[in-house]
Amino acid sequence: MQNYILIVFIGLALSLGLTLLIMPHYIKLLKALHYEQRVSEYALEEYKNKAQTPIMGGALFVVIPVIVFGVINLSHLLDPDIIMIIMAYVLFFIIGFLDDILIIIRQNNEGLSPKLKMAMEVLCAVFLGFFFLKDASTFVTIPFTNIDINLPHILYVLLVIFMYCAESNAVNFTDGMDGLCAGVSFIAFLPFLVLAFKEGEYDIALFIILVLAALIGYLRFNFFPAKIFMGDSGSLALGALFVAIAVALKAELWLLIGGGVFLWEMVCCVLQQIAVRTIHRRIFKYTPIHYAFVIRGLREKKVVILFYMIQGILSLIMLIGVLL
């Protein structure tokens, strides 16, 4: 255990230190290459001044934790759950990276087409589901109960595939204000970290700690006024990481609570689209829903704090549930 604690502290210091050290130079490089945010013509007026802010900041909080984990814990890198978690993180990062690159090349806010992006997400989710879950337990536990539902294997795999596609896009919807997505993600990871320690999954706990450390380093440059945005390369990767960790810890349905803010953002967007296409009117002032609070007169920083508080309450609820 002493060796593990030492590894944790070394990993935390490396992940945080490297992010803080590299990020300023990374931002300068992205600016020199004109790898900058392109704001949609449909964006709120007050957000159009965010154009020219570098994107793809998510690359660092994906790449650095993966490399640090491999360096300090190489002997455990072949653990099946760790491989699944890292593969999910990296594969969805690659999808987001391609989307960000196309936005940069085309000099507008049009990256991968929605159909192509979804097809790539489904393909990666199918690979992760069928390759890593062929011998997995198909029991799903209902939160706050001792009720386990034993799903048929194919149904369980389909559930996980749906989770990957839904959660990655839900986190992506939440990425729209300085410090919002990364901060909410940080808070949402905390109960999963506690659960990993409780279940004795120390390698998973270590990887979560490395990601949390890198997110702290990223937030140093992403808080208002943001000097860099994570882009789809960060948001899609974080969403996939939540699912992979939840699956590895057999906490699939806990993600509905632990990732409650992301779920809220996604449901509002889906309901808005359904309403516009069926009754030809909006049911929300604006979606993603965090923008609706700005339209109602709340300042951006206060909206971010509000969402932190909501996610904090949800994470506390999950924490109480997993410790019972």
C-alpha atoms as a PDB file:
ATOM      1  CA  MET A   1       0.000   0.000   0.000  1.00  0.00           C
ATOM      2  CA  GLN A   2       2.898   2.370   0.743  1.00  0.00           C
ATOM      3  CA  ASN A   3       4.246   1.787  -2.753  1.00  0.00           C
ATOM      4  CA  TYR A   4       0.799   2.492  -4.189  1.00  0.00           C
ATOM      5  CA  ILE A   5       0.485   5.771  -2.275  1.00  0.00           C
ATOM      6  CA  LEU A   6       3.917   6.786  -3.556  1.00  0.00           C
ATOM      7  CA  ILE A   7       2.885   5.944  -7.119  1.00  0.00           C
ATOM      8  CA  VAL A   8      -0.295   8.000  -6.703  1.00  0.00           C
ATOM      9  CA  PHE A   9       1.607  11.058  -5.506  1.00  0.00           C
ATOM     10  CA  ILE A  10       4.205  10.726  -8.264  1.00  0.00           C
ATOM     11  CA  GLY A  11       1.499  10.278 -10.884  1.00  0.00           C
ATOM     12  CA  LEU A  12      -0.555  13.196  -9.577  1.00  0.00           C
ATOM     13  CA  ALA A  13       2.489  15.461  -9.563  1.00  0.00           C
ATOM     14  CA  LEU A  14       3.516  14.413 -13.073  1.00  0.00           C
ATOM     15  CA  SER A  15       0.047  14.708 -14.577  1.00  0.00           C
ATOM     16  CA  LEU A  16      -0.635  18.112 -13.029  1.00  0.00           C
ATOM     17  CA  GLY A  17       2.904  19.421 -13.452  1.00  0.00           C
ATOM     18  CA  LEU A  18       3.229  18.417 -17.105  1.00  0.00           C
ATOM     19  CA  THR A  19      -0.162  19.929 -17.959  1.00  0.00           C
ATOM     20  CA  LEU A  20       0.718  23.231 -16.271  1.00  0.00           C
ATOM     21  CA  LEU A  21       4.170  23.227 -17.851  1.00  0.00           C
ATOM     22  CA  ILE A  22       3.177  22.307 -21.396  1.00  0.00           C
ATOM     23  CA  MET A  23      -0.126  24.171 -21.719  1.00  0.00           C
ATOM     24  CA  PRO A  24       1.257  27.724 -22.151  1.00  0.00           C
ATOM     25  CA  HIS A  25       3.591  26.552 -24.928  1.00  0.00           C
ATOM     26  CA  TYR A  26       0.804  24.457 -26.448  1.00  0.00           C
ATOM     27  CA  ILE A  27      -1.501  27.502 -26.538  1.00  0.00           C
ATOM     28  CA  LYS A  28       1.208  29.570 -28.252  1.00  0.00           C
ATOM     29  CA  LEU A  29       1.731  26.809 -30.822  1.00  0.00           C
ATOM     30  CA  LEU A  30      -1.991  26.540 -31.561  1.00  0.00           C
ATOM     31  CA  LYS A  31      -2.215  30.317 -31.995  1.00  0.00           C
ATOM     32  CA  ALA A  32       0.778  30.306 -34.334  1.00  0.00           C
ATOM     33  CA  LEU A  33      -0.863  27.580 -36.399  1.00  0.00           C
ATOM     34  CA  HIS A  34      -4.230  29.416 -36.256  1.00  0.00           C
ATOM     35  CA  TYR A  35      -5.869  26.361 -34.698  1.00  0.00           C
ATOM     36  CA  GLU A  36      -8.653  28.516 -33.316  1.00  0.00           C
ATOM     37  CA  GLN A  37     -12.326  28.337 -32.385  1.00  0.00           C
ATOM     38  CA  ARG A  38     -14.774  29.142 -35.166  1.00  0.00           C
ATOM     39  CA  VAL A  39     -18.011  30.478 -33.716  1.00  0.00           C
ATOM     40  CA  SER A  40     -21.264  29.479 -35.382  1.00  0.00           C
ATOM     41  CA  GLU A  41     -23.450  32.200 -36.866  1.00  0.00           C
ATOM     42  CA  TYR A  42     -26.194  30.852 -34.583  1.00  0.00           C
ATOM     43  CA  ALA A  43     -24.179  31.428 -31.405  1.00  0.00           C
ATOM     44  CA  LEU A  44     -25.355  33.952 -28.848  1.00  0.00           C
ATOM     45  CA  GLU A  45     -23.971  37.407 -29.644  1.00  0.00           C
ATOM     46  CA  GLU A  46     -21.970  37.622 -26.418  1.00  0.00           C
ATOM     47  CA  TYR A  47     -20.150  34.392 -27.309  1.00  0.00           C
ATOM     48  CA  LYS A  48     -18.950  35.520 -30.709  1.00  0.00           C
ATOM     49  CA  ASN A  49     -16.021  37.260 -29.053  1.00  0.00           C
ATOM     50  CA  LYS A  50     -14.692  33.806 -28.165  1.00  0.00           C
ATOM     51  CA  ALA A  51     -13.575  33.349 -31.759  1.00  0.00           C
ATOM     52  CA  GLN A  52      -9.807  33.108 -32.198  1.00  0.00           C
ATOM     53  CA  THR A  53      -9.459  31.171 -28.932  1.00  0.00           C
ATOM     54  CA  PRO A  54      -7.363  28.025 -29.557  1.00  0.00           C
ATOM     55  CA  ILE A  55      -9.160  24.672 -29.478  1.00  0.00           C
ATOM     56  CA  MET A  56      -8.013  21.074 -28.925  1.00  0.00           C
ATOM     57  CA  GLY A  57      -6.982  21.728 -25.329  1.00  0.00           C
ATOM     58  CA  GLY A  58      -8.471  18.320 -24.564  1.00  0.00           C
ATOM     59  CA  ALA A  59      -5.477  16.672 -26.206  1.00  0.00           C
ATOM     60  CA  LEU A  60      -3.336  17.318 -23.143  1.00  0.00           C
ATOM     61  CA  PHE A  61      -5.736  15.905 -20.548  1.00  0.00           C
ATOM     62  CA  VAL A  62      -6.068  12.798 -22.707  1.00  0.00           C
ATOM     63  CA  VAL A  63      -2.471  12.196 -23.762  1.00  0.00           C
ATOM     64  CA  ILE A  64      -0.686  13.145 -20.531  1.00  0.00           C
ATOM     65  CA  PRO A  65      -2.638  10.832 -18.133  1.00  0.00           C
ATOM     66  CA  VAL A  66      -2.296   7.914 -20.567  1.00  0.00           C
ATOM     67  CA  ILE A  67       1.472   8.378 -20.900  1.00  0.00           C
ATOM     68  CA  VAL A  68       1.996   8.967 -17.172  1.00  0.00           C
ATOM     69  CA  PHE A  69      -0.015   5.853 -16.298  1.00  0.00           C
ATOM     70  CA  GLY A  70       2.055   3.790 -18.732  1.00  0.00           C
ATOM     71  CA  VAL A  71       5.322   5.100 -17.277  1.00  0.00           C
ATOM     72  CA  ILE A  72       4.562   4.740 -13.551  1.00  0.00           C
ATOM     73  CA  ASN A  73       2.367   1.639 -13.687  1.00  0.00           C
ATOM     74  CA  LEU A  74       3.627  -0.247 -16.728  1.00  0.00           C
ATOM     75  CA  SER A  75       3.243  -3.677 -15.147  1.00  0.00           C
ATOM     76  CA  HIS A  76      -0.530  -3.169 -14.827  1.00  0.00           C
ATOM     77  CA  LEU A  77      -1.054  -1.682 -18.281  1.00  0.00           C
ATOM     78  CA  LEU A  78      -2.291  -5.014 -19.652  1.00  0.00           C
ATOM     79  CA  ASP A  79      -5.182  -5.321 -17.204  1.00  0.00           C
ATOM     80  CA  PRO A  80      -8.317  -5.840 -19.387  1.00  0.00           C
ATOM     81  CA  ASP A  81     -10.322  -3.129 -17.630  1.00  0.00           C
ATOM     82  CA  ILE A  82      -7.488  -0.626 -17.945  1.00  0.00           C
ATOM     83  CA  ILE A  83      -7.064  -1.459 -21.625  1.00  0.00           C
ATOM     84  CA  MET A  84     -10.798  -0.919 -22.177  1.00  0.00           C
ATOM     85  CA  ILE A  85     -10.757   2.396 -20.305  1.00  0.00           C
ATOM     86  CA  ILE A  86      -7.719   3.726 -22.166  1.00  0.00           C
ATOM     87  CA  MET A  87      -8.987   2.468 -25.528  1.00  0.00           C
ATOM     88  CA  ALA A  88     -12.353   4.188 -25.010  1.00  0.00           C
ATOM     89  CA  TYR A  89     -10.626   7.410 -23.965  1.00  0.00           C
ATOM     90  CA  VAL A  90      -8.259   7.405 -26.938  1.00  0.00           C
ATOM     91  CA  LEU A  91     -10.698   6.226 -29.636  1.00  0.00           C
ATOM     92  CA  PHE A  92     -13.277   8.908 -28.875  1.00  0.00           C
ATOM     93  CA  PHE A  93     -10.462  11.449 -28.593  1.00  0.00           C
ATOM     94  CA  ILE A  94      -9.453  10.563 -32.149  1.00  0.00           C
ATOM     95  CA  ILE A  95     -13.024  11.140 -33.390  1.00  0.00           C
ATOM     96  CA  GLY A  96     -13.108  14.527 -31.701  1.00  0.00           C
ATOM     97  CA  PHE A  97      -9.622  15.361 -32.966  1.00  0.00           C
ATOM     98  CA  LEU A  98     -10.698  14.724 -36.559  1.00  0.00           C
ATOM     99  CA  ASP A  99     -13.753  16.916 -36.014  1.00  0.00           C
ATOM    100  CA  ASP A 100     -11.618  19.734 -34.578  1.00  0.00           C
ATOM    101  CA  ILE A 101      -9.073  19.476 -37.397  1.00  0.00           C
ATOM    102  CA  LEU A 102     -11.789  19.807 -40.045  1.00  0.00           C
ATOM    103  CA  ILE A 103     -13.169  22.892 -38.280  1.00  0.00           C
ATOM    104  CA  ILE A 104      -9.693  24.409 -38.438  1.00  0.00           C
ATOM    105  CA  ILE A 105      -9.069  23.454 -42.066  1.00  0.00           C
ATOM    106  CA  ARG A 106     -12.452  24.674 -43.288  1.00  0.00           C
ATOM    107  CA  GLN A 107     -12.262  27.888 -41.269  1.00  0.00           C
ATOM    108  CA  ASN A 108     -15.852  27.492 -40.061  1.00  0.00           C
ATOM    109  CA  ASN A 109     -17.767  25.578 -37.392  1.00  0.00           C
ATOM    110  CA  GLU A 110     -18.501  22.595 -39.644  1.00  0.00           C
ATOM    111  CA  GLY A 111     -16.379  19.597 -38.759  1.00  0.00           C
ATOM    112  CA  LEU A 112     -17.411  16.004 -39.350  1.00  0.00           C
ATOM    113  CA  SER A 113     -20.972  15.710 -40.603  1.00  0.00           C
ATOM    114  CA  PRO A 114     -23.372  14.644 -37.823  1.00  0.00           C
ATOM    115  CA  LYS A 115     -24.078  11.339 -39.612  1.00  0.00           C
ATOM    116  CA  LEU A 116     -20.392  10.536 -40.108  1.00  0.00           C
ATOM    117  CA  LYS A 117     -19.514  11.492 -36.531  1.00  0.00           C
ATOM    118  CA  MET A 118     -22.311   9.313 -35.160  1.00  0.00           C
ATOM    119  CA  ALA A 119     -21.291   6.435 -37.435  1.00  0.00           C
ATOM    120  CA  MET A 120     -17.723   6.649 -36.122  1.00  0.00           C
ATOM    121  CA  GLU A 121     -18.959   6.785 -32.525  1.00  0.00           C
ATOM    122  CA  VAL A 122     -21.171   3.749 -33.071  1.00  0.00           C
ATOM    123  CA  LEU A 123     -18.328   1.863 -34.744  1.00  0.00           C
ATOM    124  CA  CYS A 124     -15.966   2.548 -31.833  1.00  0.00           C
ATOM    125  CA  ALA A 125     -18.696   1.697 -29.316  1.00  0.00           C
ATOM    126  CA  VAL A 126     -19.432  -1.599 -31.107  1.00  0.00           C
ATOM    127  CA  PHE A 127     -15.730  -2.479 -31.039  1.00  0.00           C
ATOM    128  CA  LEU A 128     -15.470  -1.650 -27.338  1.00  0.00           C
ATOM    129  CA  GLY A 129     -18.697  -3.477 -26.535  1.00  0.00           C
ATOM    130  CA  PHE A 130     -18.116  -6.715 -28.388  1.00  0.00           C
ATOM    131  CA  PHE A 131     -14.340  -6.968 -27.940  1.00  0.00           C
ATOM    132  CA  PHE A 132     -14.044  -6.121 -24.241  1.00  0.00           C
ATOM    133  CA  LEU A 133     -17.399  -7.372 -22.937  1.00  0.00           C
ATOM    134  CA  LYS A 134     -17.535 -10.831 -24.491  1.00  0.00           C
ATOM    135  CA  ASP A 135     -16.957 -12.435 -21.075  1.00  0.00           C
ATOM    136  CA  ALA A 136     -18.297  -9.603 -18.916  1.00  0.00           C
ATOM    137  CA  SER A 137     -20.943  -9.939 -16.230  1.00  0.00           C
ATOM    138  CA  THR A 138     -24.300  -8.842 -17.617  1.00  0.00           C
ATOM    139  CA  PHE A 139     -25.829  -7.956 -14.253  1.00  0.00           C
ATOM    140  CA  VAL A 140     -26.981  -4.348 -13.925  1.00  0.00           C
ATOM    141  CA  THR A 141     -27.635  -3.000 -10.439  1.00  0.00           C
ATOM    142  CA  ILE A 142     -30.445  -0.522  -9.809  1.00  0.00           C
ATOM    143  CA  PRO A 143     -29.072   2.385  -7.718  1.00  0.00           C
ATOM    144  CA  PHE A 144     -30.075   2.521  -4.030  1.00  0.00           C
ATOM    145  CA  THR A 145     -31.362  -1.055  -4.147  1.00  0.00           C
ATOM    146  CA  ASN A 146     -29.967  -4.565  -3.968  1.00  0.00           C
ATOM    147  CA  ILE A 147     -31.820  -5.441  -7.153  1.00  0.00           C
ATOM    148  CA  ASP A 148     -29.688  -6.888  -9.934  1.00  0.00           C
ATOM    149  CA  ILE A 149     -31.109  -7.365 -13.411  1.00  0.00           C
ATOM    150  CA  ASN A 150     -29.419 -10.079 -15.436  1.00  0.00           C
ATOM    151  CA  LEU A 151     -29.635  -8.933 -19.048  1.00  0.00           C
ATOM    152  CA  PRO A 152     -29.107 -11.215 -22.049  1.00  0.00           C
ATOM    153  CA  HIS A 153     -25.524 -10.733 -23.236  1.00  0.00           C
ATOM    154  CA  ILE A 154     -26.465  -9.072 -26.530  1.00  0.00           C
ATOM    155  CA  LEU A 155     -28.847  -6.687 -24.748  1.00  0.00           C
ATOM    156  CA  TYR A 156     -26.158  -5.731 -22.231  1.00  0.00           C
ATOM    157  CA  VAL A 157     -23.665  -5.022 -25.019  1.00  0.00           C
ATOM    158  CA  LEU A 158     -26.260  -2.934 -26.878  1.00  0.00           C
ATOM    159  CA  LEU A 159     -26.909  -0.987 -23.679  1.00  0.00           C
ATOM    160  CA  VAL A 160     -23.209  -0.199 -23.328  1.00  0.00           C
ATOM    161  CA  ILE A 161     -22.961   0.804 -27.001  1.00  0.00           C
ATOM    162  CA  PHE A 162     -25.882   3.192 -26.495  1.00  0.00           C
ATOM    163  CA  MET A 163     -24.225   4.569 -23.353  1.00  0.00           C
ATOM    164  CA  TYR A 164     -20.995   5.349 -25.206  1.00  0.00           C
ATOM    165  CA  CYS A 165     -22.802   7.242 -27.961  1.00  0.00           C
ATOM    166  CA  ALA A 166     -25.190   9.049 -25.614  1.00  0.00           C
ATOM    167  CA  GLU A 167     -22.706  10.039 -22.916  1.00  0.00           C
ATOM    168  CA  SER A 168     -19.999  11.260 -25.299  1.00  0.00           C
ATOM    169  CA  ASN A 169     -22.505  13.576 -26.965  1.00  0.00           C
ATOM    170  CA  ALA A 170     -24.044  14.599 -23.632  1.00  0.00           C
ATOM    171  CA  VAL A 171     -20.650  15.796 -22.387  1.00  0.00           C
ATOM    172  CA  ASN A 172     -20.127  17.518 -25.742  1.00  0.00           C
ATOM    173  CA  PHE A 173     -23.419  19.431 -25.295  1.00  0.00           C
ATOM    174  CA  THR A 174     -22.168  20.652 -21.914  1.00  0.00           C
ATOM    175  CA  ASP A 175     -19.009  22.127 -23.409  1.00  0.00           C
ATOM    176  CA  GLY A 176     -19.965  25.725 -24.149  1.00  0.00           C
ATOM    177  CA  MET A 177     -18.846  28.038 -21.368  1.00  0.00           C
ATOM    178  CA  ASP A 178     -15.466  28.790 -19.841  1.00  0.00           C
ATOM    179  CA  GLY A 179     -14.692  26.149 -17.242  1.00  0.00           C
ATOM    180  CA  LEU A 180     -18.099  24.483 -17.479  1.00  0.00           C
ATOM    181  CA  CYS A 181     -17.494  21.049 -18.993  1.00  0.00           C
ATOM    182  CA  ALA A 182     -14.109  20.376 -17.387  1.00  0.00           C
ATOM    183  CA  GLY A 183     -15.305  21.539 -13.956  1.00  0.00           C
ATOM    184  CA  VAL A 184     -18.513  19.514 -14.063  1.00  0.00           C
ATOM    185  CA  SER A 185     -16.506  16.494 -15.261  1.00  0.00           C
ATOM    186  CA  PHE A 186     -14.055  16.878 -12.371  1.00  0.00           C
ATOM    187  CA  ILE A 187     -16.897  16.869  -9.841  1.00  0.00           C
ATOM    188  CA  ALA A 188     -18.648  13.968 -11.601  1.00  0.00           C
ATOM    189  CA  PHE A 189     -15.516  11.787 -11.486  1.00  0.00           C
ATOM    190  CA  LEU A 190     -15.149  12.057  -7.696  1.00  0.00           C
ATOM    191  CA  PRO A 191     -17.775   9.461  -6.636  1.00  0.00           C
ATOM    192  CA  PHE A 192     -16.416   7.038  -9.242  1.00  0.00           C
ATOM    193  CA  LEU A 193     -12.971   7.517  -7.692  1.00  0.00           C
ATOM    194  CA  VAL A 194     -14.365   6.643  -4.265  1.00  0.00           C
ATOM    195  CA  LEU A 195     -16.193   3.642  -5.713  1.00  0.00           C
ATOM    196  CA  ALA A 196     -12.983   2.415  -7.367  1.00  0.00           C
ATOM    197  CA  PHE A 197     -11.169   2.515  -4.009  1.00  0.00           C
ATOM    198  CA  LYS A 198     -14.103   0.824  -2.284  1.00  0.00           C
ATOM    199  CA  GLU A 199     -14.086  -2.035  -4.825  1.00  0.00           C
ATOM    200  CA  GLY A 200     -10.320  -2.437  -4.591  1.00  0.00           C
ATOM    201  CA  GLU A 201      -9.845  -1.331  -8.211  1.00  0.00           C
ATOM    202  CA  TYR A 202      -6.690   0.617  -7.462  1.00  0.00           C
ATOM    203  CA  ASP A 203      -5.469   0.835 -11.055  1.00  0.00           C
ATOM    204  CA  ILE A 204      -8.752   2.399 -12.143  1.00  0.00           C
ATOM    205  CA  ALA A 205      -8.569   4.781  -9.180  1.00  0.00           C
ATOM    206  CA  LEU A 206      -5.025   5.747 -10.191  1.00  0.00           C
ATOM    207  CA  PHE A 207      -6.089   6.517 -13.747  1.00  0.00           C
ATOM    208  CA  ILE A 208      -9.003   8.646 -12.519  1.00  0.00           C
ATOM    209  CA  ILE A 209      -6.590  10.577 -10.281  1.00  0.00           C
ATOM    210  CA  LEU A 210      -4.282  11.222 -13.239  1.00  0.00           C
ATOM    211  CA  VAL A 211      -7.194  12.530 -15.313  1.00  0.00           C
ATOM    212  CA  LEU A 212      -8.395  14.712 -12.421  1.00  0.00           C
ATOM    213  CA  ALA A 213      -4.907  16.182 -12.035  1.00  0.00           C
ATOM    214  CA  ALA A 214      -4.719  16.967 -15.748  1.00  0.00           C
ATOM    215  CA  LEU A 215      -8.193  18.542 -15.629  1.00  0.00           C
ATOM    216  CA  ILE A 216      -7.021  20.836 -12.807  1.00  0.00           C
ATOM    217  CA  GLY A 217      -4.102  21.894 -14.975  1.00  0.00           C
ATOM    218  CA  TYR A 218      -6.397  22.459 -17.941  1.00  0.00           C
ATOM    219  CA  LEU A 219      -8.889  24.463 -15.878  1.00  0.00           C
ATOM    220  CA  ARG A 220      -6.073  26.833 -14.905  1.00  0.00           C
ATOM    221  CA  PHE A 221      -6.240  28.049 -18.520  1.00  0.00           C
ATOM    222  CA  ASN A 222      -9.932  27.405 -19.204  1.00  0.00           C
ATOM    223  CA  PHE A 223     -11.575  29.404 -16.430  1.00  0.00           C
ATOM    224  CA  PHE A 224     -13.132  32.697 -17.481  1.00  0.00           C
ATOM    225  CA  PRO A 225     -11.737  34.265 -19.581  1.00  0.00           C
ATOM    226  CA  ALA A 226     -10.650  31.041 -21.265  1.00  0.00           C
ATOM    227  CA  LYS A 227      -7.301  30.955 -23.034  1.00  0.00           C
ATOM    228  CA  ILE A 228      -8.099  27.581 -24.628  1.00  0.00           C
ATOM    229  CA  PHE A 229     -11.097  25.314 -25.281  1.00  0.00           C
ATOM    230  CA  MET A 230     -11.111  21.523 -25.066  1.00  0.00           C
ATOM    231  CA  GLY A 231     -12.884  20.992 -28.403  1.00  0.00           C
ATOM    232  CA  ASP A 232     -14.620  17.766 -29.359  1.00  0.00           C
ATOM    233  CA  SER A 233     -11.298  16.002 -28.864  1.00  0.00           C
ATOM    234  CA  GLY A 234     -11.737  16.572 -25.142  1.00  0.00           C
ATOM    235  CA  SER A 235     -15.493  16.386 -24.633  1.00  0.00           C
ATOM    236  CA  LEU A 236     -16.086  13.176 -26.611  1.00  0.00           C
ATOM    237  CA  ALA A 237     -13.144  11.521 -24.852  1.00  0.00           C
ATOM    238  CA  LEU A 238     -14.428  12.476 -21.396  1.00  0.00           C
ATOM    239  CA  GLY A 239     -17.883  11.115 -22.183  1.00  0.00           C
ATOM    240  CA  ALA A 240     -16.469   7.785 -23.323  1.00  0.00           C
ATOM    241  CA  LEU A 241     -14.226   7.652 -20.263  1.00  0.00           C
ATOM    242  CA  PHE A 242     -17.220   8.018 -17.931  1.00  0.00           C
ATOM    243  CA  VAL A 243     -18.905   5.044 -19.598  1.00  0.00           C
ATOM    244  CA  ALA A 244     -15.798   2.845 -19.612  1.00  0.00           C
ATOM    245  CA  ILE A 245     -15.191   3.491 -15.918  1.00  0.00           C
ATOM    246  CA  ALA A 246     -18.859   2.900 -15.052  1.00  0.00           C
ATOM    247  CA  VAL A 247     -18.817  -0.394 -16.957  1.00  0.00           C
ATOM    248  CA  ALA A 248     -15.537  -1.521 -15.376  1.00  0.00           C
ATOM    249  CA  LEU A 249     -16.891  -0.754 -11.895  1.00  0.00           C
ATOM    250  CA  LYS A 250     -20.322  -2.308 -12.654  1.00  0.00           C
ATOM    251  CA  ALA A 251     -21.922   1.075 -11.963  1.00  0.00           C
ATOM    252  CA  GLU A 252     -23.668   1.488 -15.303  1.00  0.00           C
ATOM    253  CA  LEU A 253     -26.909   2.966 -13.983  1.00  0.00           C
ATOM    254  CA  TRP A 254     -25.130   5.119 -11.432  1.00  0.00           C
ATOM    255  CA  LEU A 255     -24.014   7.190 -14.406  1.00  0.00           C
ATOM    256  CA  LEU A 256     -27.581   8.504 -14.652  1.00  0.00           C
ATOM    257  CA  ILE A 257     -27.023  10.195 -11.285  1.00  0.00           C
ATOM    258  CA  GLY A 258     -23.270  10.735 -11.266  1.00  0.00           C
ATOM    259  CA  GLY A 259     -23.434  12.280 -14.731  1.00  0.00           C
ATOM    260  CA  GLY A 260     -26.735  14.014 -14.084  1.00  0.00           C
ATOM    261  CA  VAL A 261     -25.802  17.418 -15.497  1.00  0.00           C
ATOM    262  CA  PHE A 262     -24.720  15.827 -18.773  1.00  0.00           C
ATOM    263  CA  LEU A 263     -27.980  13.862 -18.905  1.00  0.00           C
ATOM    264  CA  TRP A 264     -29.954  17.053 -18.266  1.00  0.00           C
ATOM    265  CA  GLU A 265     -28.153  18.871 -21.081  1.00  0.00           C
ATOM    266  CA  MET A 266     -28.734  16.022 -23.536  1.00  0.00           C
ATOM    267  CA  VAL A 267     -32.404  15.475 -22.674  1.00  0.00           C
ATOM    268  CA  CYS A 268     -33.137  19.185 -23.090  1.00  0.00           C
ATOM    269  CA  CYS A 269     -31.457  19.211 -26.508  1.00  0.00           C
ATOM    270  CA  VAL A 270     -33.344  16.102 -27.643  1.00  0.00           C
ATOM    271  CA  LEU A 271     -36.707  17.401 -26.409  1.00  0.00           C
ATOM    272  CA  GLN A 272     -36.045  20.738 -28.108  1.00  0.00           C
ATOM    273  CA  GLN A 273     -35.354  19.025 -31.422  1.00  0.00           C
ATOM    274  CA  ILE A 274     -38.456  16.847 -31.124  1.00  0.00           C
ATOM    275  CA  ALA A 275     -40.599  19.880 -30.320  1.00  0.00           C
ATOM    276  CA  VAL A 276     -39.232  21.939 -33.220  1.00  0.00           C
ATOM    277  CA  ARG A 277     -39.832  19.107 -35.685  1.00  0.00           C
ATOM    278  CA  THR A 278     -43.292  18.118 -34.435  1.00  0.00           C
ATOM    279  CA  ILE A 279     -45.068  21.145 -33.004  1.00  0.00           C
ATOM    280  CA  HIS A 280     -42.765  23.682 -34.722  1.00  0.00           C
ATOM    281  CA  ARG A 281     -41.917  25.605 -31.592  1.00  0.00           C
ATOM    282  CA  ARG A 282     -39.275  25.635 -28.897  1.00  0.00           C
ATOM    283  CA  ILE A 283     -40.072  24.382 -25.418  1.00  0.00           C
ATOM    284  CA  PHE A 284     -36.878  25.852 -23.956  1.00  0.00           C
ATOM    285  CA  LYS A 285     -35.583  29.375 -24.418  1.00  0.00           C
ATOM    286  CA  TYR A 286     -32.356  27.967 -25.873  1.00  0.00           C
ATOM    287  CA  THR A 287     -30.384  24.734 -25.972  1.00  0.00           C
ATOM    288  CA  PRO A 288     -27.886  23.582 -24.850  1.00  0.00           C
ATOM    289  CA  ILE A 289     -29.705  24.586 -21.701  1.00  0.00           C
ATOM    290  CA  HIS A 290     -26.798  26.445 -20.060  1.00  0.00           C
ATOM    291  CA  TYR A 291     -27.237  29.220 -22.642  1.00  0.00           C
ATOM    292  CA  ALA A 292     -30.871  29.662 -21.593  1.00  0.00           C
ATOM    293  CA  PHE A 293     -29.701  30.912 -18.206  1.00  0.00           C
ATOM    294  CA  VAL A 294     -27.609  33.610 -19.911  1.00  0.00           C
ATOM    295  CA  ILE A 295     -30.606  34.701 -21.979  1.00  0.00           C
ATOM    296  CA  ARG A 296     -32.557  34.970 -18.733  1.00  0.00           C
ATOM    297  CA  GLY A 297     -29.967  37.419 -17.437  1.00  0.00           C
ATOM    298  CA  LEU A 298     -27.515  35.297 -15.434  1.00  0.00           C
ATOM    299  CA  ARG A 299     -23.841  36.011 -16.027  1.00  0.00           C
ATOM    300  CA  GLU A 300     -21.695  33.249 -17.485  1.00  0.00           C
ATOM    301  CA  LYS A 301     -19.571  32.754 -14.374  1.00  0.00           C
ATOM    302  CA  LYS A 302     -22.688  32.429 -12.215  1.00  0.00           C
ATOM    303  CA  VAL A 303     -24.165  29.868 -14.609  1.00  0.00           C
ATOM    304  CA  VAL A 304     -20.967  27.814 -14.355  1.00  0.00           C
ATOM    305  CA  ILE A 305     -21.039  27.993 -10.544  1.00  0.00           C
ATOM    306  CA  LEU A 306     -24.722  26.998 -10.568  1.00  0.00           C
ATOM    307  CA  PHE A 307     -23.958  23.930 -12.679  1.00  0.00           C
ATOM    308  CA  TYR A 308     -21.032  23.054 -10.394  1.00  0.00           C
ATOM    309  CA  MET A 309     -23.408  23.155  -7.439  1.00  0.00           C
ATOM    310  CA  ILE A 310     -25.998  20.982  -9.177  1.00  0.00           C
ATOM    311  CA  GLN A 311     -23.377  18.416 -10.167  1.00  0.00           C
ATOM    312  CA  GLY A 312     -21.940  18.574  -6.653  1.00  0.00           C
ATOM    313  CA  ILE A 313     -25.315  17.625  -5.187  1.00  0.00           C
ATOM    314  CA  LEU A 314     -25.724  14.787  -7.694  1.00  0.00           C
ATOM    315  CA  SER A 315     -22.203  13.508  -7.019  1.00  0.00           C
ATOM    316  CA  LEU A 316     -22.901  13.609  -3.269  1.00  0.00           C
ATOM    317  CA  ILE A 317     -26.109  11.620  -3.791  1.00  0.00           C
ATOM    318  CA  MET A 318     -24.177   9.020  -5.780  1.00  0.00           C
ATOM    319  CA  LEU A 319     -21.413   8.955  -3.183  1.00  0.00           C
ATOM    320  CA  ILE A 320     -23.890   8.265  -0.394  1.00  0.00           C
ATOM    321  CA  GLY A 321     -25.492   5.550  -2.486  1.00  0.00           C
ATOM    322  CA  VAL A 322     -22.284   3.688  -3.308  1.00  0.00           C
ATOM    323  CA  LEU A 323     -21.089   3.846   0.306  1.00  0.00           C
ATOM    324  CA  LEU A 324     -24.295   2.426   1.784  1.00  0.00           C
END
